[in-house]
Amino acid sequence: MTLILGTAVVATFALVAVELIAGYAAHSIALVSDALHNLTDVPTMVISWLAARWAMRPPTPEKTYGYHRAGILAAFINSMLLAIVALFLIYESIQRLRVPVEVESGVMLWVSILALVVNSGITFSLHSGRRDLNIRAVWIHNLGDALSNIAIIAGALVIRRTGANWIDPIIGMAIGAMVLWTGAGILRESTHILLEGLPRNVDLKNVAGAILKVDGVQEVHDIHIWTLGTDLHALSCHARIPDMHMEDSEKILNRICEVLARDFQISHTTVQLERAGLPAEAGPLMPEPAPARRAD
């Protein structure tokens, strides 16, 4: 996936140069908007490429969880860039709508076809890795690019036939609104993960119920579930069990971990076992400590 992202960076940067030159020559705000939209793909892909490489690094004494959050942090930064660019595109399109200029529909058409080919190729290449939030941010971004290219092609054909130049800034505003909408979704999801919110596909009550069904578990509390990285969830909780030999308590612990991994794909589990109750004759500590000797 890192090789695909690296190739995508080069292809996107070349496409931005072509679209900027063509948009300026053809007086097309839609092409310029798409070029600036694609330009944000370059730092987005570079950040995602670096994050994908960092995520493969093993844990260290300082980064005990490893670098799984690198991809989430990259998605957060990319979504902020998307929001800024989207607002700029909408502003520029409104300005062009107020002061329309003649658009060279021929240049607009052929360059948007080239852009569609490039963005579609990148989108299909990243399709298999879209479960990763970091990769999904780039995938959605390029999918939006491809859809905007289709809109620009349609707009160029209408402008060529009718001369309605106002269509160009309307397409620019639509592209900006689409970028803002997709960026908001990525920002919301990445923020939720960075704040260690409950994974979207996990129900806390169902997890607690599954733990309670393990033979020997009488109570479970202080459950915390969060996401470390793509498809990597962690859990910590306290479980009360009757007094028993340590060997038997380890069997209960192993069964809890098996249930969590099998039913909820929670692979990093920390369970603190607590005594559910003691015999009436038992003291607060088992065994009782030896009495302190009195000084003569």
Protein backbone atom coordinates (compact mmCIF):
# COMPACT_ATOMS: atom_id res chain seq x y z
CA MET A 1 0.00 0.00 0.00
CA THR A 2 2.92 2.37 0.66
CA LEU A 3 4.11 1.87 -2.95
CA ILE A 4 0.63 2.72 -4.26
CA LEU A 5 0.51 5.88 -2.16
CA GLY A 6 3.96 6.93 -3.37
CA THR A 7 2.95 6.46 -7.03
CA ALA A 8 -0.30 8.33 -6.38
CA VAL A 9 1.62 11.33 -5.03
CA VAL A 10 3.65 11.65 -8.25
CA ALA A 11 0.60 11.21 -10.51
CA THR A 12 -1.47 13.71 -8.52
CA PHE A 13 1.26 16.34 -8.49
CA ALA A 14 1.58 16.11 -12.28
CA LEU A 15 -2.20 16.36 -12.66
CA VAL A 16 -2.31 19.49 -10.47
CA ALA A 17 0.22 21.22 -12.70
CA VAL A 18 -1.79 20.39 -15.84
CA GLU A 19 -5.10 21.50 -14.31
CA LEU A 20 -3.73 24.78 -12.98
CA ILE A 21 -2.24 25.73 -16.34
CA ALA A 22 -5.35 24.64 -18.24
CA GLY A 23 -7.73 26.29 -15.76
CA TYR A 24 -5.89 29.60 -16.06
CA ALA A 25 -5.80 29.39 -19.86
CA ALA A 26 -9.46 28.36 -20.14
CA HIS A 27 -10.72 30.78 -17.42
CA SER A 28 -12.38 27.84 -15.68
CA ILE A 29 -12.89 28.18 -11.93
CA ALA A 30 -14.11 24.58 -11.90
CA LEU A 31 -10.75 23.35 -13.22
CA VAL A 32 -8.82 25.61 -10.83
CA SER A 33 -11.03 24.40 -7.97
CA ASP A 34 -10.37 20.81 -8.91
CA ALA A 35 -6.64 21.54 -9.22
CA LEU A 36 -6.55 23.03 -5.71
CA HIS A 37 -8.64 20.12 -4.48
CA ASN A 38 -6.13 17.71 -6.02
CA LEU A 39 -3.28 19.80 -4.62
CA THR A 40 -4.50 19.00 -1.11
CA ASP A 41 -4.18 15.34 -2.08
CA VAL A 42 -0.39 15.73 -2.24
CA PRO A 43 0.22 16.53 1.46
CA THR A 44 -2.67 14.21 2.32
CA MET A 45 -1.01 11.29 0.53
CA VAL A 46 2.44 12.15 1.86
CA ILE A 47 1.09 12.20 5.43
CA SER A 48 -0.79 8.96 4.80
CA TRP A 49 2.30 7.36 3.26
CA LEU A 50 4.41 8.31 6.27
CA ALA A 51 1.68 7.14 8.65
CA ALA A 52 1.39 3.79 6.88
CA ARG A 53 5.14 3.26 7.25
CA TRP A 54 5.14 4.36 10.91
CA ALA A 55 2.22 2.06 11.72
CA MET A 56 4.38 -0.93 10.78
CA ARG A 57 7.03 -0.06 13.35
CA PRO A 58 7.21 -2.31 16.43
CA PRO A 59 6.57 -0.98 19.96
CA THR A 60 9.43 0.72 21.76
CA PRO A 61 10.14 1.39 25.47
CA GLU A 62 8.69 4.87 24.95
CA LYS A 63 5.89 4.00 22.45
CA THR A 64 4.63 0.88 24.21
CA TYR A 65 1.57 0.63 21.95
CA GLY A 66 3.66 1.11 18.82
CA TYR A 67 2.68 3.61 16.14
CA HIS A 68 -0.84 2.40 15.36
CA ARG A 69 -2.29 5.84 16.07
CA ALA A 70 -0.10 7.44 13.37
CA GLY A 71 -2.71 6.67 10.72
CA ILE A 72 -5.52 8.11 12.85
CA LEU A 73 -3.54 11.30 13.47
CA ALA A 74 -2.86 11.56 9.72
CA ALA A 75 -6.58 11.25 8.98
CA PHE A 76 -7.31 14.02 11.52
CA ILE A 77 -4.79 16.39 9.91
CA ASN A 78 -6.00 15.55 6.40
CA SER A 79 -9.61 16.25 7.31
CA MET A 80 -8.63 19.71 8.62
CA LEU A 81 -6.88 20.44 5.32
CA LEU A 82 -9.98 19.31 3.43
CA ALA A 83 -12.20 21.70 5.39
CA ILE A 84 -9.91 24.69 4.74
CA VAL A 85 -9.66 23.97 1.01
CA ALA A 86 -13.43 23.41 0.73
CA LEU A 87 -14.22 26.82 2.23
CA PHE A 88 -11.72 28.46 -0.13
CA LEU A 89 -13.27 26.77 -3.17
CA ILE A 90 -16.77 27.86 -2.19
CA TYR A 91 -15.61 31.45 -1.67
CA GLU A 92 -13.82 31.62 -5.03
CA SER A 93 -16.80 30.09 -6.83
CA ILE A 94 -19.17 32.69 -5.34
CA GLN A 95 -16.82 35.44 -6.49
CA ARG A 96 -16.75 34.00 -10.01
CA LEU A 97 -20.55 33.69 -10.00
CA ARG A 98 -20.80 37.42 -9.26
CA VAL A 99 -18.33 38.31 -12.01
CA PRO A 100 -18.65 35.61 -14.69
CA VAL A 101 -16.05 35.18 -17.45
CA GLU A 102 -16.08 33.23 -20.70
CA VAL A 103 -14.90 29.66 -20.27
CA GLU A 104 -12.93 27.65 -22.86
CA SER A 105 -15.09 24.53 -22.73
CA GLY A 106 -12.81 22.48 -25.03
CA VAL A 107 -9.76 22.73 -22.75
CA MET A 108 -12.00 22.23 -19.73
CA LEU A 109 -13.43 19.03 -21.24
CA TRP A 110 -10.20 17.30 -22.22
CA VAL A 111 -8.29 18.14 -19.05
CA SER A 112 -11.17 16.91 -16.89
CA ILE A 113 -11.17 13.63 -18.84
CA LEU A 114 -7.45 13.25 -18.09
CA ALA A 115 -8.11 14.03 -14.44
CA LEU A 116 -10.91 11.45 -14.33
CA VAL A 117 -8.55 8.75 -15.62
CA VAL A 118 -5.88 9.60 -13.02
CA ASN A 119 -8.24 9.92 -10.05
CA SER A 120 -10.18 6.79 -10.98
CA GLY A 121 -6.94 4.81 -11.19
CA ILE A 122 -5.84 5.99 -7.74
CA THR A 123 -9.29 5.27 -6.28
CA PHE A 124 -9.36 1.70 -7.59
CA SER A 125 -5.79 1.11 -6.40
CA LEU A 126 -6.67 2.16 -2.83
CA HIS A 127 -10.04 0.36 -2.75
CA SER A 128 -8.72 -2.78 -1.06
CA GLY A 129 -7.19 -0.86 1.84
CA ARG A 130 -10.14 1.39 2.69
CA ARG A 131 -10.82 -0.34 6.04
CA ASP A 132 -7.85 1.62 7.38
CA LEU A 133 -9.16 5.07 8.38
CA ASN A 134 -5.95 6.67 7.13
CA ILE A 135 -6.25 5.00 3.70
CA ARG A 136 -10.01 5.60 3.65
CA ALA A 137 -9.43 9.34 4.02
CA VAL A 138 -7.31 9.29 0.84
CA TRP A 139 -9.72 6.88 -0.91
CA ILE A 140 -12.75 9.09 -0.21
CA HIS A 141 -10.79 12.15 -1.25
CA ASN A 142 -9.89 10.64 -4.63
CA LEU A 143 -13.37 9.22 -5.11
CA GLY A 144 -14.67 12.74 -4.63
CA ASP A 145 -12.10 13.96 -7.16
CA ALA A 146 -13.33 11.43 -9.72
CA LEU A 147 -16.97 12.41 -9.16
CA SER A 148 -16.10 16.09 -9.49
CA ASN A 149 -14.31 15.30 -12.75
CA ILE A 150 -17.51 13.74 -14.10
CA ALA A 151 -19.41 16.88 -13.07
CA ILE A 152 -16.83 19.08 -14.83
CA ILE A 153 -17.08 16.98 -18.00
CA ALA A 154 -20.86 17.33 -17.98
CA GLY A 155 -20.55 21.06 -17.29
CA ALA A 156 -18.07 21.52 -20.15
CA LEU A 157 -20.46 19.81 -22.57
CA VAL A 158 -23.36 22.03 -21.45
CA ILE A 159 -21.24 25.19 -21.69
CA ARG A 160 -20.07 24.19 -25.17
CA ARG A 161 -23.66 23.69 -26.33
CA THR A 162 -25.45 26.55 -24.52
CA GLY A 163 -22.73 29.07 -23.60
CA ALA A 164 -24.02 29.13 -19.98
CA ASN A 165 -20.76 30.12 -18.27
CA TRP A 166 -22.47 30.37 -14.87
CA ILE A 167 -22.43 26.58 -14.73
CA ASP A 168 -18.66 26.62 -14.12
CA PRO A 169 -18.78 28.37 -10.68
CA ILE A 170 -21.84 26.31 -9.72
CA ILE A 171 -19.78 23.16 -10.26
CA GLY A 172 -16.97 24.75 -8.24
CA MET A 173 -19.32 25.34 -5.30
CA ALA A 174 -20.66 21.79 -5.56
CA ILE A 175 -17.12 20.41 -5.45
CA GLY A 176 -16.34 22.56 -2.40
CA ALA A 177 -19.50 21.41 -0.60
CA MET A 178 -18.71 17.76 -1.35
CA VAL A 179 -15.15 18.15 -0.05
CA LEU A 180 -16.46 19.83 3.12
CA TRP A 181 -18.96 17.03 3.71
CA THR A 182 -16.45 14.20 3.25
CA GLY A 183 -13.84 15.97 5.36
CA ALA A 184 -16.34 16.46 8.20
CA GLY A 185 -17.00 12.71 8.36
CA ILE A 186 -13.29 11.84 8.57
CA LEU A 187 -12.73 14.59 11.16
CA ARG A 188 -15.60 13.31 13.31
CA GLU A 189 -14.38 9.69 13.20
CA SER A 190 -10.69 10.46 13.80
CA THR A 191 -11.56 12.80 16.69
CA HIS A 192 -13.73 10.08 18.23
CA ILE A 193 -10.81 7.62 18.10
CA LEU A 194 -8.22 10.11 19.40
CA LEU A 195 -10.54 10.83 22.35
CA GLU A 196 -10.62 7.05 22.94
CA GLY A 197 -14.33 6.76 22.32
CA LEU A 198 -16.12 3.42 22.12
CA PRO A 199 -15.53 1.76 18.71
CA ARG A 200 -18.55 2.32 16.43
CA ASN A 201 -19.21 -1.38 15.89
CA VAL A 202 -19.04 -2.33 19.59
CA ASP A 203 -21.92 -2.21 22.09
CA LEU A 204 -20.76 -1.84 25.69
CA LYS A 205 -23.74 -3.74 27.15
CA ASN A 206 -23.18 -6.67 24.80
CA VAL A 207 -19.52 -6.88 25.82
CA ALA A 208 -20.40 -6.82 29.52
CA GLY A 209 -23.08 -9.47 28.96
CA ALA A 210 -20.64 -11.74 27.15
CA ILE A 211 -18.12 -11.47 30.01
CA LEU A 212 -20.83 -12.24 32.57
CA LYS A 213 -21.76 -15.41 30.66
CA VAL A 214 -18.29 -16.82 31.31
CA ASP A 215 -18.62 -19.46 34.00
CA GLY A 216 -17.32 -18.09 37.31
CA VAL A 217 -17.72 -14.36 36.57
CA GLN A 218 -20.23 -12.82 38.98
CA GLU A 219 -19.77 -9.11 38.26
CA VAL A 220 -17.97 -6.87 35.79
CA HIS A 221 -17.38 -3.13 36.11
CA ASP A 222 -15.08 -0.27 35.06
CA ILE A 223 -15.18 -1.42 31.42
CA HIS A 224 -13.22 0.73 28.99
CA ILE A 225 -12.95 -0.06 25.26
CA TRP A 226 -11.02 2.04 22.77
CA THR A 227 -9.31 1.86 19.39
CA LEU A 228 -5.52 1.69 19.09
CA GLY A 229 -5.43 1.59 15.30
CA THR A 230 -7.19 0.08 12.33
CA ASP A 231 -9.04 -3.09 13.43
CA LEU A 232 -7.09 -3.05 16.71
CA HIS A 233 -9.27 -2.58 19.79
CA ALA A 234 -8.28 -2.66 23.46
CA LEU A 235 -10.28 -3.32 26.64
CA SER A 236 -9.71 -3.01 30.36
CA CYS A 237 -12.17 -4.02 33.09
CA HIS A 238 -12.59 -5.40 36.60
CA ALA A 239 -14.26 -8.82 37.00
CA ARG A 240 -15.35 -10.32 40.31
CA ILE A 241 -14.95 -14.08 40.77
CA PRO A 242 -15.28 -16.42 43.81
CA ASP A 243 -12.22 -17.35 45.85
CA MET A 244 -10.34 -20.10 44.06
CA HIS A 245 -6.90 -21.39 43.27
CA MET A 246 -4.85 -19.17 40.98
CA GLU A 247 -4.75 -21.91 38.33
CA ASP A 248 -8.57 -21.87 38.16
CA SER A 249 -8.72 -18.06 38.00
CA GLU A 250 -6.31 -18.10 35.05
CA LYS A 251 -8.69 -20.43 33.22
CA ILE A 252 -11.51 -17.90 33.70
CA LEU A 253 -9.22 -15.11 32.49
CA ASN A 254 -8.31 -17.11 29.37
CA ARG A 255 -11.99 -17.77 28.61
CA ILE A 256 -12.79 -14.05 28.93
CA CYS A 257 -10.01 -13.20 26.48
CA GLU A 258 -11.20 -15.88 24.03
CA VAL A 259 -14.78 -14.56 24.10
CA LEU A 260 -13.67 -10.97 23.55
CA ALA A 261 -11.37 -11.90 20.65
CA ARG A 262 -13.90 -14.21 18.98
CA ASP A 263 -17.10 -12.18 19.35
CA PHE A 264 -15.85 -8.58 19.37
CA GLN A 265 -12.38 -8.70 17.75
CA ILE A 266 -10.85 -7.17 20.88
CA SER A 267 -7.29 -8.46 20.91
CA HIS A 268 -5.58 -6.31 23.56
CA THR A 269 -7.26 -7.15 26.87
CA THR A 270 -6.43 -6.24 30.46
CA VAL A 271 -8.72 -7.80 33.09
CA GLN A 272 -8.28 -7.18 36.82
CA LEU A 273 -9.77 -10.10 38.77
CA GLU A 274 -11.32 -9.32 42.16
CA ARG A 275 -12.80 -11.53 44.85
CA ALA A 276 -16.60 -11.65 44.76
CA GLY A 277 -16.87 -12.69 48.43
CA LEU A 278 -15.05 -14.37 51.30
CA PRO A 279 -16.11 -16.97 53.85
CA ALA A 280 -17.50 -15.49 57.08
CA GLU A 281 -14.43 -16.57 59.08
CA ALA A 282 -11.98 -15.04 56.66
CA GLY A 283 -10.18 -11.84 57.51
CA PRO A 284 -9.47 -8.95 55.19
CA LEU A 285 -6.26 -10.60 54.06
CA MET A 286 -5.73 -14.23 53.09
CA PRO A 287 -3.66 -15.58 54.69
CA GLU A 288 -3.52 -13.37 57.80
CA PRO A 289 -0.12 -11.71 58.24
CA ALA A 290 2.05 -12.86 61.12
CA PRO A 291 1.52 -10.74 64.28
CA ALA A 292 4.22 -8.17 64.90
CA ARG A 293 6.59 -8.86 67.76
CA ARG A 294 6.36 -6.60 70.78
CA ALA A 295 9.48 -4.79 71.80
CA ASP A 296 10.83 -5.86 75.20
